[in-house]
Protein backbone atom coordinates (compact mmCIF):
# COMPACT_ATOMS: atom_id res chain seq x y z
CA MET A 1 -77.16 6.69 -153.37
CA LEU A 2 -74.31 8.33 -152.49
CA GLN A 3 -72.70 10.56 -154.45
CA SER A 4 -69.49 12.41 -154.20
CA PRO A 5 -69.71 15.94 -153.92
CA GLU A 6 -67.19 16.52 -156.58
CA PRO A 7 -68.93 17.48 -160.36
CA LYS A 8 -68.24 14.88 -162.88
CA TYR A 9 -66.24 14.43 -165.98
CA THR A 10 -67.31 16.45 -168.83
CA PRO A 11 -64.80 15.58 -171.44
CA ALA A 12 -64.78 18.97 -173.44
CA ALA A 13 -65.79 19.82 -177.02
CA ALA A 14 -62.55 18.97 -179.38
CA PRO A 15 -60.13 21.67 -180.82
CA ALA A 16 -60.39 22.97 -184.17
CA ASN A 17 -57.31 21.07 -185.78
CA THR A 18 -55.57 24.21 -186.78
CA TYR A 19 -52.47 22.16 -188.29
CA THR A 20 -51.88 23.45 -192.61
CA PRO A 21 -50.72 21.00 -194.64
CA VAL A 22 -47.09 22.10 -195.29
CA LYS A 23 -47.56 22.36 -199.08
CA PRO A 24 -44.74 21.29 -202.07
CA ALA A 25 -42.18 24.38 -203.13
CA THR A 26 -42.64 23.44 -206.38
CA ALA A 27 -45.07 20.87 -208.06
CA PRO A 28 -44.70 17.05 -207.78
CA LEU A 29 -41.97 15.51 -210.13
CA GLU A 30 -43.97 12.91 -212.98
CA GLN A 31 -41.93 10.80 -213.60
CA ALA A 32 -42.25 6.86 -215.17
CA THR A 33 -40.28 4.27 -213.04
CA ILE A 34 -38.99 1.04 -215.49
CA GLY A 35 -38.50 -1.48 -212.33
CA ARG A 36 -35.62 -3.93 -211.05
CA SER A 37 -38.12 -7.61 -212.41
CA LEU A 38 -38.88 -4.94 -215.21
CA VAL A 39 -37.83 -6.43 -219.00
CA ILE A 40 -38.66 -4.33 -222.06
CA LYS A 41 -37.85 -5.41 -225.04
CA GLY A 42 -38.17 -2.04 -228.17
CA GLU A 43 -38.58 1.82 -228.43
CA VAL A 44 -39.45 3.28 -225.16
CA SER A 45 -40.28 7.24 -225.51
CA GLY A 46 -42.69 10.07 -224.12
CA SER A 47 -42.37 13.41 -222.52
CA GLU A 48 -42.08 12.72 -218.86
CA SER A 49 -39.41 11.72 -216.92
CA LEU A 50 -37.98 7.82 -217.00
CA PHE A 51 -36.21 5.71 -214.09
CA ILE A 52 -35.20 2.58 -215.67
CA ASP A 53 -34.06 -0.28 -212.06
CA GLY A 54 -34.60 -3.45 -214.33
CA HIS A 55 -33.61 -4.10 -217.98
CA VAL A 56 -34.27 -1.89 -221.37
CA GLU A 57 -33.12 -3.65 -224.73
CA GLY A 58 -33.60 -1.46 -228.33
CA THR A 59 -34.39 2.74 -227.97
CA ILE A 60 -35.11 5.47 -225.41
CA ASN A 61 -36.54 7.97 -226.88
CA PHE A 62 -37.08 11.69 -224.35
CA PRO A 63 -36.53 14.83 -225.40
CA GLY A 64 -37.31 17.54 -223.03
CA ASN A 65 -37.14 14.68 -220.16
CA ARG A 66 -34.66 12.73 -217.86
CA VAL A 67 -34.20 9.32 -218.45
CA THR A 68 -32.13 8.23 -215.26
CA ILE A 69 -30.99 4.64 -214.91
CA GLY A 70 -30.79 3.42 -211.98
CA ARG A 71 -28.33 1.13 -209.66
CA ASN A 72 -29.81 -2.08 -210.53
CA GLY A 73 -30.58 -0.54 -214.10
CA SER A 74 -28.66 -1.83 -217.38
CA VAL A 75 -29.52 -0.30 -220.52
CA ALA A 76 -28.43 -1.69 -224.31
CA ALA A 77 -29.63 0.79 -225.65
CA ASN A 78 -29.62 4.04 -227.84
CA ILE A 79 -30.58 6.94 -225.93
CA THR A 80 -31.95 10.67 -226.84
CA ALA A 81 -32.78 12.41 -223.96
CA ASN A 82 -31.99 16.79 -222.33
CA GLU A 83 -30.90 14.52 -219.26
CA VAL A 84 -29.47 11.41 -218.53
CA VAL A 85 -27.99 10.08 -215.54
CA ILE A 86 -26.39 6.78 -215.44
CA MET A 87 -25.71 5.18 -211.76
CA GLY A 88 -26.08 1.42 -213.94
CA LYS A 89 -25.53 0.26 -217.41
CA VAL A 90 -25.75 1.65 -220.74
CA GLN A 91 -24.22 0.44 -224.02
CA GLY A 92 -25.11 2.48 -226.96
CA ASN A 93 -24.69 5.69 -227.94
CA VAL A 94 -26.41 8.88 -225.88
CA ASP A 95 -27.12 12.37 -227.35
CA CYS A 96 -28.46 15.00 -224.98
CA THR A 97 -29.73 18.12 -225.44
CA ASP A 98 -27.87 19.48 -221.88
CA ARG A 99 -26.72 17.20 -219.62
CA LEU A 100 -24.56 13.56 -219.60
CA ASP A 101 -24.33 12.54 -215.62
CA ILE A 102 -21.78 9.01 -214.90
CA ARG A 103 -22.48 8.77 -211.25
CA ASN A 104 -19.69 7.52 -209.22
CA GLU A 105 -20.49 3.73 -210.18
CA GLY A 106 -22.13 4.26 -213.45
CA LEU A 107 -20.72 2.54 -216.58
CA LEU A 108 -21.11 3.91 -219.74
CA ALA A 109 -20.13 1.86 -223.27
CA GLY A 110 -21.03 3.47 -226.78
CA ASP A 111 -20.29 7.14 -227.83
CA VAL A 112 -21.86 10.51 -226.55
CA ILE A 113 -22.96 13.95 -227.62
CA THR A 114 -23.86 16.59 -225.13
CA HIS A 115 -23.49 20.09 -224.00
CA ARG A 116 -22.60 18.85 -220.71
CA ILE A 117 -21.03 15.80 -219.20
CA SER A 118 -19.82 15.38 -215.32
CA VAL A 119 -18.05 11.97 -214.94
CA GLU A 120 -17.94 10.56 -211.08
CA GLU A 121 -14.33 9.96 -209.78
CA GLY A 122 -15.18 5.32 -210.11
CA ALA A 123 -17.63 5.93 -213.39
CA ILE A 124 -16.79 3.95 -216.32
CA LEU A 125 -16.47 5.64 -219.60
CA LYS A 126 -16.04 4.22 -222.83
CA GLY A 127 -16.56 5.70 -225.71
CA GLY A 128 -15.50 8.59 -228.17
CA VAL A 129 -17.31 12.00 -226.71
CA GLU A 130 -18.44 14.59 -228.41
CA VAL A 131 -19.12 18.54 -226.89
CA ARG A 132 -20.79 20.89 -228.34
CA ASN A 133 -22.03 24.43 -227.93
CA PRO A 134 -26.03 25.99 -227.07
CA GLU A 135 -25.33 28.39 -229.12
CA LYS A 136 -23.87 26.72 -232.29
CA LYS A 137 -27.12 24.57 -232.50
CA ASP A 138 -29.41 27.41 -232.29
CA GLN A 139 -28.10 28.95 -235.07
CA LYS A 140 -28.23 25.60 -236.74
CA ALA A 141 -31.01 25.10 -236.62
CA GLN A 142 -32.64 28.54 -237.60
CA LYS A 143 -30.22 27.69 -240.46
CA ASP A 144 -32.31 24.53 -241.70
CA GLN A 145 -35.55 26.33 -240.99
CA HIS A 146 -34.63 28.84 -243.17
CA GLN A 147 -33.71 26.74 -245.62
CA GLN A 148 -36.76 24.35 -244.83
CA SER A 149 -38.50 27.30 -245.45
CA GLN A 150 -37.55 27.81 -248.64
CA GLN A 151 -38.36 24.53 -249.77
CA ASN A 152 -40.79 24.26 -249.29
CA GLN A 153 -41.50 27.77 -250.33
CA ALA A 154 -39.81 26.38 -254.31
CA LYS A 155 -42.35 23.43 -253.77
CA ALA A 156 -45.11 25.52 -253.28
CA ALA A 157 -44.79 28.03 -256.17
CA GLU A 158 -43.66 24.50 -258.11
CA ALA A 159 -47.31 23.13 -257.40
CA SER A 160 -48.92 26.63 -258.27
CA LYS A 161 -47.61 26.32 -261.70
CA THR A 162 -48.51 22.94 -262.40
CA MET A 163 -52.01 23.32 -261.23
CA ALA A 164 -52.80 26.81 -263.39
CA ALA A 165 -51.11 24.69 -266.09
CA ASN A 166 -53.80 21.70 -265.50
CA ALA A 167 -56.99 24.16 -265.41
CA GLY A 168 -55.75 25.69 -269.01
CA ALA A 169 -55.55 22.35 -270.01
């Protein structure tokens, strides 16, 4: 057989993968989601952020975390959270330890207690608003802790007197 004067092509070894994926600057946000088709009646609570795009009736308790009501979300509940963002409809009272944000398509019918509030143009807010000073809350919490410790000391003293009287009998 005749062979061509050109050498046969042999593929070179594949180059080593030098691609390094980019790492995010922050950890991924842990967030629970209530989807569009879900209907929940009762108490919803947790220790991570919550996104609601479905329907919730009852109470929502996420202290220290964010609760977001999506554009399709419908909530008939009192909400307690660190931060609340409303893009859908909420009927109930909202108690935020930090911030309430009602976006332009959001609707809130209920009373609000918060430290900071933002209501965009086009949003609807029906109810009372109480904006508290965070420093006063901290002072109140310290005062409450002090009163509780005094009550506990008084109860302990009372209990020790009762035990001493029972031991002597």
